[in-house]
Amino acid sequence: MRSRMIRWLLPLAVVAAAGAATAMAMSASLGTTGGTVKTATTRKYGVVLVNAKGWTLYRYTPDRKGVNTCTGTCAKYWTAYLIKATSKPTAGTGATASLIGTIKRPHGMAQVTYAGFPLYTYTGDRKAGDISGQGFQHTWYLVNPRGAMVTHTVATKPPTTTTPATTTTKKAWG
């Protein structure tokens, strides 16, 4: 009797663990940011989009407006910026509210978009402010406040040096 009960409970425990893992993964991708998009300034790339906790947001070049094409292995490393389908994303400092939206995703979720394009975080970023996904495989890029992909570093002006003006007159020559 006992071994029969264990055989019955073991598959149930496995299913429960799998369900818990799925729920944890979904909540991890959701974070607690509530779909807020704001900006942060990077030294190398200028002003870019981040979520409420400061994690960098990226765009995927194969995506089209309103269409997420990152699936399978891609989705393991590039986490869709998800919120509950009943929630509405918000604009934080530096972001334009009219550019923020969502696209429908499975299981009652929505993916936050900016200028119509889906947003993602990268699992290779270890802390808020990291930008290690920038330019990855020439398909993943930071996003600027206008919604464009950031493909180049910001232009920096060379330091200006001033040389004191010197004047010479004929008297000095002679």
Protein backbone atom coordinates (compact mmCIF):
# COMPACT_ATOMS: atom_id res chain seq x y z
CA MET A 1 0.00 0.00 0.00
CA ARG A 2 2.75 2.41 0.96
CA SER A 3 4.73 1.87 -2.28
CA ARG A 4 1.53 2.35 -4.31
CA MET A 5 0.92 5.65 -2.54
CA ILE A 6 4.49 6.80 -3.22
CA ARG A 7 4.13 5.88 -6.91
CA TRP A 8 0.96 7.98 -7.03
CA LEU A 9 2.38 10.96 -5.12
CA LEU A 10 5.73 11.13 -6.93
CA PRO A 11 4.32 12.20 -10.34
CA LEU A 12 2.05 14.68 -8.57
CA ALA A 13 5.06 16.20 -6.79
CA VAL A 14 6.97 16.47 -10.08
CA VAL A 15 4.04 18.25 -11.74
CA ALA A 16 3.70 20.61 -8.77
CA ALA A 17 7.43 21.42 -8.86
CA ALA A 18 7.28 22.11 -12.59
CA GLY A 19 4.31 24.41 -12.06
CA ALA A 20 6.13 26.25 -9.30
CA ALA A 21 9.22 26.65 -11.49
CA THR A 22 7.10 28.09 -14.30
CA ALA A 23 5.42 30.52 -11.92
CA MET A 24 8.80 31.56 -10.51
CA ALA A 25 10.21 32.12 -14.02
CA MET A 26 7.20 34.23 -14.97
CA SER A 27 7.44 36.31 -11.82
CA ALA A 28 11.19 36.74 -12.35
CA SER A 29 10.61 38.11 -15.83
CA LEU A 30 7.87 40.32 -14.46
CA GLY A 31 9.93 41.61 -11.61
CA THR A 32 8.07 44.14 -9.56
CA THR A 33 8.59 47.01 -11.93
CA GLY A 34 4.99 47.07 -13.13
CA GLY A 35 6.01 47.77 -16.70
CA THR A 36 7.68 51.10 -16.06
CA VAL A 37 10.02 52.35 -18.77
CA LYS A 38 12.42 55.17 -17.92
CA THR A 39 15.84 56.38 -19.02
CA ALA A 40 19.38 56.18 -17.69
CA THR A 41 22.59 57.66 -19.01
CA THR A 42 25.51 55.46 -20.01
CA ARG A 43 28.97 56.87 -20.57
CA LYS A 44 29.51 55.03 -23.82
CA TYR A 45 26.04 55.10 -25.44
CA GLY A 46 24.29 58.12 -23.95
CA VAL A 47 20.68 58.02 -22.74
CA VAL A 48 18.97 54.60 -23.03
CA LEU A 49 15.81 52.87 -21.81
CA VAL A 50 15.74 50.87 -18.58
CA ASN A 51 13.02 49.38 -16.40
CA ALA A 52 12.03 50.79 -13.01
CA LYS A 53 14.84 48.88 -11.30
CA GLY A 54 17.44 50.18 -13.73
CA TRP A 55 17.87 46.99 -15.78
CA THR A 56 18.72 47.79 -19.39
CA LEU A 57 16.05 47.23 -22.05
CA TYR A 58 16.94 45.97 -25.52
CA ARG A 59 15.42 45.62 -29.00
CA TYR A 60 15.86 42.63 -31.29
CA THR A 61 16.44 43.51 -34.95
CA PRO A 62 14.30 40.69 -36.45
CA ASP A 63 11.25 41.93 -34.49
CA ARG A 64 8.69 44.08 -36.26
CA LYS A 65 6.29 46.56 -34.72
CA GLY A 66 3.91 44.55 -32.57
CA VAL A 67 5.65 41.22 -33.28
CA ASN A 68 8.00 39.31 -30.96
CA THR A 69 10.20 36.87 -32.92
CA CYS A 70 12.49 35.82 -30.03
CA THR A 71 11.46 32.25 -29.16
CA GLY A 72 13.10 29.00 -28.05
CA THR A 73 16.75 29.38 -27.07
CA CYS A 74 16.61 33.10 -27.80
CA ALA A 75 13.92 33.54 -25.13
CA LYS A 76 16.07 31.73 -22.54
CA TYR A 77 18.68 34.47 -22.67
CA TRP A 78 16.59 37.45 -23.72
CA THR A 79 13.67 37.79 -21.34
CA ALA A 80 10.58 39.49 -22.69
CA TYR A 81 9.65 42.48 -20.51
CA LEU A 82 6.28 41.14 -19.36
CA ILE A 83 3.40 42.48 -17.32
CA LYS A 84 -0.04 41.10 -16.57
CA ALA A 85 -2.36 41.61 -19.54
CA THR A 86 -4.69 43.60 -17.29
CA SER A 87 -1.90 46.04 -16.33
CA LYS A 88 -0.85 49.16 -18.17
CA PRO A 89 2.84 50.07 -18.54
CA THR A 90 3.94 53.52 -17.42
CA ALA A 91 6.49 56.14 -18.46
CA GLY A 92 9.12 57.06 -15.92
CA THR A 93 11.66 59.86 -16.09
CA GLY A 94 12.79 60.55 -19.65
CA ALA A 95 10.43 58.11 -21.39
CA THR A 96 7.55 59.24 -23.60
CA ALA A 97 4.19 57.83 -22.47
CA SER A 98 2.73 57.87 -25.99
CA LEU A 99 5.50 55.51 -27.17
CA ILE A 100 4.81 52.86 -24.51
CA GLY A 101 2.41 50.01 -25.25
CA THR A 102 2.02 46.25 -25.10
CA ILE A 103 1.54 43.23 -27.31
CA LYS A 104 -0.38 40.13 -26.26
CA ARG A 105 1.56 37.14 -25.01
CA PRO A 106 0.38 33.70 -23.86
CA HIS A 107 -0.95 32.90 -20.38
CA GLY A 108 -2.58 36.26 -19.64
CA MET A 109 0.61 38.23 -20.12
CA ALA A 110 1.57 41.24 -22.24
CA GLN A 111 5.01 42.33 -23.43
CA VAL A 112 5.94 45.98 -22.98
CA THR A 113 6.76 47.79 -26.22
CA TYR A 114 8.34 51.13 -27.01
CA ALA A 115 7.62 52.85 -30.34
CA GLY A 116 5.75 49.62 -31.15
CA PHE A 117 8.75 47.30 -30.75
CA PRO A 118 8.98 44.59 -28.03
CA LEU A 119 11.41 45.18 -25.17
CA TYR A 120 13.66 42.61 -23.48
CA THR A 121 16.20 42.28 -20.69
CA TYR A 122 19.37 40.18 -21.06
CA THR A 123 20.32 37.40 -18.66
CA GLY A 124 23.99 38.28 -19.21
CA ASP A 125 23.47 41.62 -17.44
CA ARG A 126 24.41 40.88 -13.83
CA LYS A 127 23.21 44.11 -12.23
CA ALA A 128 21.22 47.22 -12.98
CA GLY A 129 23.09 49.44 -15.40
CA ASP A 130 24.95 46.61 -17.15
CA ILE A 131 24.85 46.78 -20.96
CA SER A 132 26.60 43.52 -21.86
CA GLY A 133 23.97 42.63 -24.47
CA GLN A 134 24.69 45.71 -26.60
CA GLY A 135 25.44 44.69 -30.19
CA PHE A 136 25.24 40.97 -29.38
CA GLN A 137 25.44 39.05 -32.67
CA HIS A 138 24.69 42.35 -34.43
CA THR A 139 21.01 41.83 -33.56
CA TRP A 140 20.50 43.17 -30.02
CA TYR A 141 20.70 46.86 -29.25
CA LEU A 142 20.00 49.42 -26.56
CA VAL A 143 17.04 51.72 -27.19
CA ASN A 144 17.13 55.51 -27.03
CA PRO A 145 14.26 57.71 -25.74
CA ARG A 146 12.92 58.17 -29.30
CA GLY A 147 12.60 54.38 -29.67
CA ALA A 148 15.50 53.94 -32.08
CA MET A 149 18.16 51.26 -31.63
CA VAL A 150 21.49 52.57 -30.41
CA THR A 151 24.04 51.12 -32.84
CA HIS A 152 26.98 53.45 -32.22
CA THR A 153 28.74 55.03 -29.29
CA VAL A 154 28.00 58.65 -28.58
CA ALA A 155 30.29 61.12 -30.24
CA THR A 156 32.63 62.66 -27.77
CA LYS A 157 34.33 65.90 -28.47
CA PRO A 158 38.10 65.85 -28.14
CA PRO A 159 39.26 67.91 -25.23
CA THR A 160 39.80 71.53 -26.15
CA THR A 161 43.06 73.06 -25.24
CA THR A 162 43.65 76.73 -25.44
CA THR A 163 47.00 78.10 -26.28
CA PRO A 164 47.69 81.54 -24.99
CA ALA A 165 47.62 84.05 -27.78
CA THR A 166 50.96 85.55 -28.57
CA THR A 167 51.49 88.66 -30.55
CA THR A 168 54.61 89.82 -32.09
CA THR A 169 55.51 93.22 -33.33
CA LYS A 170 58.35 94.41 -35.46
CA LYS A 171 60.06 95.60 -32.33
CA ALA A 172 60.23 92.06 -31.04
CA TRP A 173 62.24 91.06 -34.11
CA GLY A 174 64.76 93.46 -33.86
